[in-house]
Amino acid sequence: MFCFRDSPKGIPSTCQRKTGVPVPVTEAQLKAIFKQCDTNRDGRLSKQELKNFFASLGSHLPGWRAGRVLRHADGNADGYVSEDEMDGLVKYALRCGYTRIVK
């Protein structure tokens, strides 16, 4: 589906341009999202949970980002990003420059 700058009537709202100011996501917000994406509450993120994490940030390639962050942040190479390794995840996500829209 193509999106138009000024969506005419009948175009889905998901396709319409969002108004507001893009503001960088903070470290505290990323940590809160981390905890929300830990669906099984084991204190670590699997590749699927990381994919969900990046999807919630609006990443266009969340599966690719999940693989990249595992290579960057998974210090013990167990296939998970634990709470001890969260700083690496947060630093990686901050470098990606994700923003949120503030009205």
N, C-alpha and C. Protein backbone atom coordinates (compact mmCIF):
# COMPACT_ATOMS: atom_id res chain seq x y z
N MET A 1 0.85 -1.16 0.00
CA MET A 1 0.00 0.00 0.00
C MET A 1 0.90 1.23 0.00
N PHE A 2 0.52 2.24 -0.75
CA PHE A 2 1.26 3.48 -0.79
C PHE A 2 0.59 4.50 0.12
N CYS A 3 1.40 5.33 0.75
CA CYS A 3 0.87 6.38 1.60
C CYS A 3 1.07 7.72 0.91
N PHE A 4 0.13 8.60 1.11
CA PHE A 4 0.20 9.93 0.53
C PHE A 4 0.49 10.95 1.62
N ARG A 5 1.18 12.01 1.25
CA ARG A 5 1.50 13.06 2.22
C ARG A 5 0.22 13.59 2.86
N ASP A 6 -0.74 13.96 2.07
CA ASP A 6 -2.03 14.43 2.55
C ASP A 6 -3.06 13.39 2.16
N SER A 7 -3.38 12.51 3.08
CA SER A 7 -4.25 11.38 2.77
C SER A 7 -5.67 11.83 2.49
N PRO A 8 -6.19 11.47 1.31
CA PRO A 8 -7.58 11.78 1.01
C PRO A 8 -8.51 10.91 1.84
N LYS A 9 -9.77 11.29 1.87
CA LYS A 9 -10.75 10.49 2.61
C LYS A 9 -10.77 9.08 2.04
N GLY A 10 -10.97 8.12 2.90
CA GLY A 10 -11.03 6.73 2.47
C GLY A 10 -9.70 6.01 2.60
N ILE A 11 -8.60 6.72 2.87
CA ILE A 11 -7.30 6.10 3.09
C ILE A 11 -7.23 5.72 4.57
N PRO A 12 -6.81 4.51 4.89
CA PRO A 12 -6.76 4.08 6.30
C PRO A 12 -5.94 5.03 7.17
N SER A 13 -6.36 5.18 8.42
CA SER A 13 -5.68 6.09 9.34
C SER A 13 -4.23 5.65 9.60
N THR A 14 -3.95 4.36 9.46
CA THR A 14 -2.58 3.90 9.67
C THR A 14 -1.65 4.41 8.59
N CYS A 15 -2.22 4.85 7.50
CA CYS A 15 -1.44 5.35 6.37
C CYS A 15 -1.29 6.86 6.43
N GLN A 16 -2.09 7.52 7.25
CA GLN A 16 -2.03 8.96 7.32
C GLN A 16 -0.82 9.43 8.10
N ARG A 17 -0.31 10.59 7.70
CA ARG A 17 0.87 11.16 8.33
C ARG A 17 0.56 11.53 9.77
N LYS A 18 1.46 11.17 10.68
CA LYS A 18 1.28 11.51 12.08
C LYS A 18 1.81 12.92 12.31
N THR A 19 1.06 13.68 13.09
CA THR A 19 1.49 15.04 13.38
C THR A 19 2.10 15.08 14.76
N GLY A 20 3.03 15.96 14.94
CA GLY A 20 3.70 16.10 16.21
C GLY A 20 5.20 16.23 15.98
N VAL A 21 5.92 16.29 17.08
CA VAL A 21 7.36 16.48 17.03
C VAL A 21 8.05 15.17 17.39
N PRO A 22 8.98 14.69 16.55
CA PRO A 22 9.72 13.48 16.92
C PRO A 22 10.74 13.80 18.01
N VAL A 23 10.69 13.03 19.09
CA VAL A 23 11.59 13.21 20.23
C VAL A 23 12.35 11.90 20.43
N PRO A 24 13.67 11.97 20.63
CA PRO A 24 14.43 10.73 20.84
C PRO A 24 13.93 9.94 22.04
N VAL A 25 13.95 8.63 21.91
CA VAL A 25 13.57 7.74 23.01
C VAL A 25 14.69 7.77 24.04
N THR A 26 14.32 7.86 25.32
CA THR A 26 15.32 7.95 26.39
C THR A 26 15.74 6.56 26.89
N GLU A 27 16.81 6.53 27.63
CA GLU A 27 17.31 5.29 28.21
C GLU A 27 16.26 4.67 29.14
N ALA A 28 15.61 5.50 29.95
CA ALA A 28 14.59 5.00 30.88
C ALA A 28 13.42 4.39 30.12
N GLN A 29 13.01 5.01 29.02
CA GLN A 29 11.91 4.47 28.21
C GLN A 29 12.29 3.14 27.59
N LEU A 30 13.54 3.04 27.11
CA LEU A 30 14.00 1.78 26.52
C LEU A 30 14.00 0.66 27.56
N LYS A 31 14.42 0.96 28.78
CA LYS A 31 14.42 -0.06 29.84
C LYS A 31 13.00 -0.50 30.18
N ALA A 32 12.06 0.44 30.16
CA ALA A 32 10.66 0.09 30.43
C ALA A 32 10.11 -0.80 29.32
N ILE A 33 10.45 -0.49 28.07
CA ILE A 33 10.01 -1.33 26.94
C ILE A 33 10.65 -2.71 27.05
N PHE A 34 11.91 -2.76 27.46
CA PHE A 34 12.61 -4.04 27.68
C PHE A 34 11.80 -4.92 28.61
N LYS A 35 11.37 -4.36 29.73
CA LYS A 35 10.62 -5.15 30.71
C LYS A 35 9.26 -5.59 30.15
N GLN A 36 8.62 -4.75 29.35
CA GLN A 36 7.33 -5.11 28.75
C GLN A 36 7.47 -6.24 27.73
N CYS A 37 8.59 -6.27 27.01
CA CYS A 37 8.79 -7.27 25.96
C CYS A 37 9.25 -8.62 26.52
N ASP A 38 9.62 -8.65 27.79
CA ASP A 38 10.00 -9.91 28.44
C ASP A 38 8.72 -10.64 28.83
N THR A 39 8.08 -11.27 27.84
CA THR A 39 6.75 -11.83 28.04
C THR A 39 6.70 -13.00 29.02
N ASN A 40 7.76 -13.78 29.11
CA ASN A 40 7.74 -14.91 30.05
C ASN A 40 8.34 -14.56 31.41
N ARG A 41 8.72 -13.30 31.58
CA ARG A 41 9.21 -12.75 32.86
C ARG A 41 10.40 -13.52 33.44
N ASP A 42 11.32 -13.95 32.57
CA ASP A 42 12.51 -14.64 33.06
C ASP A 42 13.71 -13.72 33.21
N GLY A 43 13.52 -12.41 32.96
CA GLY A 43 14.60 -11.44 33.14
C GLY A 43 15.58 -11.36 31.99
N ARG A 44 15.24 -11.96 30.87
CA ARG A 44 16.10 -11.92 29.69
C ARG A 44 15.23 -11.94 28.44
N LEU A 45 15.80 -11.44 27.34
CA LEU A 45 15.06 -11.38 26.09
C LEU A 45 15.61 -12.40 25.10
N SER A 46 14.72 -13.23 24.57
CA SER A 46 15.06 -14.17 23.50
C SER A 46 15.10 -13.40 22.19
N LYS A 47 15.48 -14.07 21.12
CA LYS A 47 15.50 -13.40 19.81
C LYS A 47 14.10 -12.93 19.42
N GLN A 48 13.07 -13.75 19.68
CA GLN A 48 11.70 -13.35 19.36
C GLN A 48 11.28 -12.15 20.20
N GLU A 49 11.62 -12.14 21.48
CA GLU A 49 11.27 -11.01 22.33
C GLU A 49 12.03 -9.75 21.89
N LEU A 50 13.27 -9.92 21.46
CA LEU A 50 14.03 -8.78 20.92
C LEU A 50 13.38 -8.26 19.64
N LYS A 51 12.89 -9.17 18.83
CA LYS A 51 12.19 -8.78 17.60
C LYS A 51 10.97 -7.95 17.96
N ASN A 52 10.23 -8.37 18.98
CA ASN A 52 9.06 -7.62 19.44
C ASN A 52 9.48 -6.26 20.01
N PHE A 53 10.62 -6.24 20.71
CA PHE A 53 11.18 -5.01 21.27
C PHE A 53 11.41 -3.99 20.16
N PHE A 54 12.11 -4.40 19.10
CA PHE A 54 12.41 -3.48 18.00
C PHE A 54 11.16 -3.13 17.19
N ALA A 55 10.23 -4.06 17.09
CA ALA A 55 8.96 -3.75 16.40
C ALA A 55 8.20 -2.68 17.17
N SER A 56 8.22 -2.74 18.51
CA SER A 56 7.52 -1.74 19.31
C SER A 56 8.17 -0.37 19.18
N LEU A 57 9.44 -0.33 18.80
CA LEU A 57 10.13 0.94 18.57
C LEU A 57 9.90 1.47 17.15
N GLY A 58 9.24 0.67 16.31
CA GLY A 58 8.96 1.10 14.95
C GLY A 58 10.02 0.72 13.94
N SER A 59 10.88 -0.24 14.27
CA SER A 59 11.92 -0.67 13.35
C SER A 59 11.30 -1.30 12.10
N HIS A 60 11.89 -0.99 10.94
CA HIS A 60 11.39 -1.56 9.69
C HIS A 60 11.86 -3.01 9.53
N LEU A 61 12.96 -3.38 10.16
CA LEU A 61 13.51 -4.74 10.08
C LEU A 61 13.78 -5.27 11.49
N PRO A 62 12.73 -5.53 12.28
CA PRO A 62 12.95 -5.92 13.67
C PRO A 62 13.69 -7.24 13.84
N GLY A 63 13.51 -8.20 12.94
CA GLY A 63 14.22 -9.48 13.04
C GLY A 63 15.71 -9.30 12.80
N TRP A 64 16.06 -8.45 11.85
CA TRP A 64 17.47 -8.17 11.57
C TRP A 64 18.10 -7.44 12.76
N ARG A 65 17.39 -6.46 13.30
CA ARG A 65 17.88 -5.73 14.48
C ARG A 65 18.08 -6.68 15.66
N ALA A 66 17.18 -7.63 15.85
CA ALA A 66 17.30 -8.58 16.95
C ALA A 66 18.58 -9.40 16.82
N GLY A 67 18.88 -9.86 15.62
CA GLY A 67 20.12 -10.60 15.39
C GLY A 67 21.35 -9.76 15.64
N ARG A 68 21.31 -8.49 15.19
CA ARG A 68 22.44 -7.59 15.39
C ARG A 68 22.68 -7.32 16.88
N VAL A 69 21.62 -7.08 17.62
CA VAL A 69 21.80 -6.76 19.03
C VAL A 69 22.29 -7.98 19.81
N LEU A 70 21.90 -9.17 19.39
CA LEU A 70 22.43 -10.37 20.05
C LEU A 70 23.94 -10.45 19.87
N ARG A 71 24.43 -10.09 18.69
CA ARG A 71 25.88 -10.11 18.46
C ARG A 71 26.59 -9.01 19.26
N HIS A 72 25.90 -7.89 19.49
CA HIS A 72 26.52 -6.77 20.20
C HIS A 72 26.40 -6.88 21.72
N ALA A 73 25.24 -7.28 22.21
CA ALA A 73 24.96 -7.19 23.64
C ALA A 73 25.04 -8.50 24.40
N ASP A 74 24.99 -9.63 23.72
CA ASP A 74 24.98 -10.93 24.39
C ASP A 74 26.41 -11.32 24.77
N GLY A 75 26.87 -10.83 25.90
CA GLY A 75 28.26 -11.02 26.32
C GLY A 75 28.65 -12.46 26.58
N ASN A 76 27.74 -13.27 27.11
CA ASN A 76 28.07 -14.66 27.42
C ASN A 76 27.66 -15.63 26.32
N ALA A 77 27.14 -15.11 25.21
CA ALA A 77 26.79 -15.90 24.02
C ALA A 77 25.81 -17.04 24.30
N ASP A 78 24.84 -16.78 25.20
CA ASP A 78 23.83 -17.80 25.50
C ASP A 78 22.57 -17.67 24.64
N GLY A 79 22.55 -16.66 23.74
CA GLY A 79 21.40 -16.47 22.86
C GLY A 79 20.32 -15.59 23.45
N TYR A 80 20.59 -14.97 24.59
CA TYR A 80 19.64 -14.09 25.26
C TYR A 80 20.35 -12.82 25.70
N VAL A 81 19.57 -11.75 25.83
CA VAL A 81 20.07 -10.52 26.45
C VAL A 81 19.45 -10.48 27.84
N SER A 82 20.29 -10.64 28.85
CA SER A 82 19.81 -10.65 30.24
C SER A 82 19.80 -9.24 30.80
N GLU A 83 19.28 -9.08 32.01
CA GLU A 83 19.27 -7.77 32.65
C GLU A 83 20.68 -7.24 32.84
N ASP A 84 21.64 -8.13 33.07
CA ASP A 84 23.04 -7.71 33.22
C ASP A 84 23.61 -7.17 31.91
N GLU A 85 23.06 -7.63 30.81
CA GLU A 85 23.53 -7.21 29.49
C GLU A 85 22.67 -6.10 28.88
N MET A 86 21.69 -5.61 29.66
CA MET A 86 20.75 -4.63 29.16
C MET A 86 21.43 -3.33 28.74
N ASP A 87 22.51 -2.94 29.39
CA ASP A 87 23.19 -1.70 29.02
C ASP A 87 23.65 -1.74 27.57
N GLY A 88 24.14 -2.89 27.12
CA GLY A 88 24.55 -3.03 25.73
C GLY A 88 23.37 -2.90 24.78
N LEU A 89 22.23 -3.47 25.16
CA LEU A 89 21.01 -3.36 24.36
C LEU A 89 20.56 -1.91 24.27
N VAL A 90 20.56 -1.23 25.40
CA VAL A 90 20.11 0.17 25.44
C VAL A 90 21.05 1.05 24.62
N LYS A 91 22.35 0.85 24.75
CA LYS A 91 23.31 1.64 23.97
C LYS A 91 23.11 1.41 22.48
N TYR A 92 22.90 0.16 22.09
CA TYR A 92 22.66 -0.15 20.68
C TYR A 92 21.40 0.55 20.18
N ALA A 93 20.32 0.46 20.94
CA ALA A 93 19.06 1.07 20.53
C ALA A 93 19.17 2.60 20.47
N LEU A 94 19.91 3.19 21.39
CA LEU A 94 20.10 4.64 21.37
C LEU A 94 20.87 5.07 20.12
N ARG A 95 21.87 4.28 19.73
CA ARG A 95 22.64 4.60 18.51
C ARG A 95 21.77 4.53 17.27
N CYS A 96 20.72 3.71 17.30
CA CYS A 96 19.83 3.58 16.14
C CYS A 96 18.97 4.83 15.96
N GLY A 97 18.84 5.64 17.00
CA GLY A 97 18.14 6.92 16.89
C GLY A 97 16.62 6.82 16.83
N TYR A 98 16.02 5.89 17.53
CA TYR A 98 14.57 5.78 17.53
C TYR A 98 13.94 7.00 18.18
N THR A 99 12.77 7.39 17.68
CA THR A 99 12.07 8.55 18.21
C THR A 99 10.63 8.17 18.51
N ARG A 100 9.97 9.03 19.26
CA ARG A 100 8.54 8.90 19.50
C ARG A 100 7.92 10.23 19.13
N ILE A 101 6.66 10.23 18.77
CA ILE A 101 5.98 11.44 18.36
C ILE A 101 5.28 12.06 19.58
N VAL A 102 5.58 13.32 19.85
CA VAL A 102 4.95 14.06 20.94
C VAL A 102 4.07 15.13 20.34
N LYS A 103 2.82 15.15 20.75
CA LYS A 103 1.87 16.14 20.20
C LYS A 103 1.90 17.42 20.99
